[in-house]
């Protein structure tokens, strides 16, 4: 009689185990889908940040190049003016010695 009671009990336990495994499989698939969705959104955000950073770096490089050009132009003009003033002073000194 004990075997007769254990067999229906085992069948019911087996059904419960299969039901739980099915539920767990479904939960794992849902979790996997959520993880994939999160990874995709994170990847897209990282690409957006990289594009913004690259744009900012390009703008910064352009500004630095423009400032370098302005500095060189100002340096050239100051050098030209200083050279002209120096030449005039030397010419005035030379004329004063010639008299």
C-alpha atoms as a PDB file:
ATOM      1  CA  UNK A   1       0.000   0.000   0.000  1.00  0.00           C
ATOM      2  CA  UNK A   2       2.885   2.324   0.631  1.00  0.00           C
ATOM      3  CA  UNK A   3       4.017   2.016  -3.022  1.00  0.00           C
ATOM      4  CA  UNK A   4       0.554   2.969  -4.180  1.00  0.00           C
ATOM      5  CA  UNK A   5       0.646   6.202  -2.121  1.00  0.00           C
ATOM      6  CA  UNK A   6       4.195   7.111  -3.184  1.00  0.00           C
ATOM      7  CA  UNK A   7       3.484   6.853  -6.916  1.00  0.00           C
ATOM      8  CA  UNK A   8       0.754   9.561  -7.037  1.00  0.00           C
ATOM      9  CA  UNK A   9       2.867  11.669  -4.682  1.00  0.00           C
ATOM     10  CA  UNK A  10       5.846  11.353  -7.028  1.00  0.00           C
ATOM     11  CA  UNK A  11       3.733  12.288 -10.059  1.00  0.00           C
ATOM     12  CA  UNK A  12       2.431  15.375  -8.270  1.00  0.00           C
ATOM     13  CA  UNK A  13       5.966  16.323  -7.171  1.00  0.00           C
ATOM     14  CA  UNK A  14       7.195  15.863 -10.726  1.00  0.00           C
ATOM     15  CA  UNK A  15       4.458  18.156 -12.051  1.00  0.00           C
ATOM     16  CA  UNK A  16       5.344  20.763  -9.431  1.00  0.00           C
ATOM     17  CA  UNK A  17       9.053  20.557 -10.311  1.00  0.00           C
ATOM     18  CA  UNK A  18       8.329  20.886 -14.041  1.00  0.00           C
ATOM     19  CA  UNK A  19       6.027  23.832 -13.342  1.00  0.00           C
ATOM     20  CA  UNK A  20       8.713  25.574 -11.265  1.00  0.00           C
ATOM     21  CA  UNK A  21      11.388  24.914 -13.906  1.00  0.00           C
ATOM     22  CA  UNK A  22       9.112  26.368 -16.574  1.00  0.00           C
ATOM     23  CA  UNK A  23       8.511  29.449 -14.442  1.00  0.00           C
ATOM     24  CA  UNK A  24      12.241  29.835 -13.808  1.00  0.00           C
ATOM     25  CA  UNK A  25      13.008  29.459 -17.523  1.00  0.00           C
ATOM     26  CA  UNK A  26      10.497  32.197 -18.321  1.00  0.00           C
ATOM     27  CA  UNK A  27      11.973  34.469 -15.644  1.00  0.00           C
ATOM     28  CA  UNK A  28      15.499  33.861 -16.955  1.00  0.00           C
ATOM     29  CA  UNK A  29      14.421  34.707 -20.521  1.00  0.00           C
ATOM     30  CA  UNK A  30      12.725  37.910 -19.311  1.00  0.00           C
ATOM     31  CA  UNK A  31      15.832  38.848 -17.355  1.00  0.00           C
ATOM     32  CA  UNK A  32      18.007  38.161 -20.402  1.00  0.00           C
ATOM     33  CA  UNK A  33      15.796  40.417 -22.534  1.00  0.00           C
ATOM     34  CA  UNK A  34      16.002  43.193 -19.942  1.00  0.00           C
ATOM     35  CA  UNK A  35      19.789  42.879 -19.777  1.00  0.00           C
ATOM     36  CA  UNK A  36      20.043  43.046 -23.585  1.00  0.00           C
ATOM     37  CA  UNK A  37      17.812  46.113 -23.654  1.00  0.00           C
ATOM     38  CA  UNK A  38      19.898  47.787 -20.942  1.00  0.00           C
ATOM     39  CA  UNK A  39      23.129  46.959 -22.789  1.00  0.00           C
ATOM     40  CA  UNK A  40      21.755  48.423 -26.014  1.00  0.00           C
ATOM     41  CA  UNK A  41      20.675  51.646 -24.331  1.00  0.00           C
ATOM     42  CA  UNK A  42      24.020  51.906 -22.521  1.00  0.00           C
ATOM     43  CA  UNK A  43      25.897  51.357 -25.767  1.00  0.00           C
ATOM     44  CA  UNK A  44      23.833  54.050 -27.515  1.00  0.00           C
ATOM     45  CA  UNK A  45      24.453  56.502 -24.679  1.00  0.00           C
ATOM     46  CA  UNK A  46      28.183  55.772 -24.756  1.00  0.00           C
ATOM     47  CA  UNK A  47      28.222  56.486 -28.497  1.00  0.00           C
ATOM     48  CA  UNK A  48      26.380  59.773 -27.946  1.00  0.00           C
ATOM     49  CA  UNK A  49      28.860  60.818 -25.269  1.00  0.00           C
ATOM     50  CA  UNK A  50      31.778  59.861 -27.524  1.00  0.00           C
ATOM     51  CA  UNK A  51      30.354  61.934 -30.389  1.00  0.00           C
ATOM     52  CA  UNK A  52      29.818  64.927 -28.108  1.00  0.00           C
ATOM     53  CA  UNK A  53      33.351  64.578 -26.743  1.00  0.00           C
ATOM     54  CA  UNK A  54      34.817  64.323 -30.240  1.00  0.00           C
ATOM     55  CA  UNK A  55      32.880  67.419 -31.309  1.00  0.00           C
ATOM     56  CA  UNK A  56      34.120  69.321 -28.265  1.00  0.00           C
ATOM     57  CA  UNK A  57      37.711  68.269 -28.900  1.00  0.00           C
ATOM     58  CA  UNK A  58      37.462  69.339 -32.548  1.00  0.00           C
ATOM     59  CA  UNK A  59      36.107  72.746 -31.507  1.00  0.00           C
ATOM     60  CA  UNK A  60      38.866  73.098 -28.942  1.00  0.00           C
ATOM     61  CA  UNK A  61      41.547  72.192 -31.510  1.00  0.00           C
ATOM     62  CA  UNK A  62      40.156  74.819 -33.888  1.00  0.00           C
ATOM     63  CA  UNK A  63      40.168  77.474 -31.179  1.00  0.00           C
ATOM     64  CA  UNK A  64      43.749  76.635 -30.210  1.00  0.00           C
ATOM     65  CA  UNK A  65      44.845  76.844 -33.856  1.00  0.00           C
ATOM     66  CA  UNK A  66      43.167  80.246 -34.225  1.00  0.00           C
ATOM     67  CA  UNK A  67      44.830  81.519 -31.050  1.00  0.00           C
ATOM     68  CA  UNK A  68      48.220  80.281 -32.290  1.00  0.00           C
ATOM     69  CA  UNK A  69      47.678  82.132 -35.572  1.00  0.00           C
ATOM     70  CA  UNK A  70      46.725  85.335 -33.758  1.00  0.00           C
ATOM     71  CA  UNK A  71      49.752  85.040 -31.479  1.00  0.00           C
ATOM     72  CA  UNK A  72      52.066  84.567 -34.453  1.00  0.00           C
ATOM     73  CA  UNK A  73      50.539  87.528 -36.292  1.00  0.00           C
ATOM     74  CA  UNK A  74      50.837  89.771 -33.228  1.00  0.00           C
ATOM     75  CA  UNK A  75      54.383  88.560 -32.645  1.00  0.00           C
ATOM     76  CA  UNK A  76      55.270  89.326 -36.268  1.00  0.00           C
ATOM     77  CA  UNK A  77      53.739  92.793 -36.108  1.00  0.00           C
ATOM     78  CA  UNK A  78      55.489  93.596 -32.827  1.00  0.00           C
ATOM     79  CA  UNK A  79      58.761  92.264 -34.205  1.00  0.00           C
ATOM     80  CA  UNK A  80      58.349  94.367 -37.359  1.00  0.00           C
ATOM     81  CA  UNK A  81      57.506  97.460 -35.314  1.00  0.00           C
ATOM     82  CA  UNK A  82      60.420  96.858 -32.916  1.00  0.00           C
ATOM     83  CA  UNK A  83      62.774  96.331 -35.844  1.00  0.00           C
ATOM     84  CA  UNK A  84      61.541  99.537 -37.502  1.00  0.00           C
ATOM     85  CA  UNK A  85      61.945 101.538 -34.290  1.00  0.00           C
ATOM     86  CA  UNK A  86      65.417 100.051 -33.765  1.00  0.00           C
ATOM     87  CA  UNK A  87      66.411 100.931 -37.316  1.00  0.00           C
ATOM     88  CA  UNK A  88      65.181 104.516 -36.896  1.00  0.00           C
ATOM     89  CA  UNK A  89      67.106 104.877 -33.616  1.00  0.00           C
ATOM     90  CA  UNK A  90      70.288 103.490 -35.171  1.00  0.00           C
ATOM     91  CA  UNK A  91      69.877 105.832 -38.174  1.00  0.00           C
ATOM     92  CA  UNK A  92      69.411 108.822 -35.856  1.00  0.00           C
ATOM     93  CA  UNK A  93      72.504 107.866 -33.858  1.00  0.00           C
ATOM     94  CA  UNK A  94      74.540 107.411 -37.046  1.00  0.00           C
ATOM     95  CA  UNK A  95      73.462 110.830 -38.362  1.00  0.00           C
ATOM     96  CA  UNK A  96      74.389 112.483 -35.084  1.00  0.00           C
ATOM     97  CA  UNK A  97      77.925 110.987 -35.333  1.00  0.00           C
ATOM     98  CA  UNK A  98      78.304 112.117 -38.947  1.00  0.00           C
ATOM     99  CA  UNK A  99      77.781 115.778 -38.138  1.00  0.00           C
END
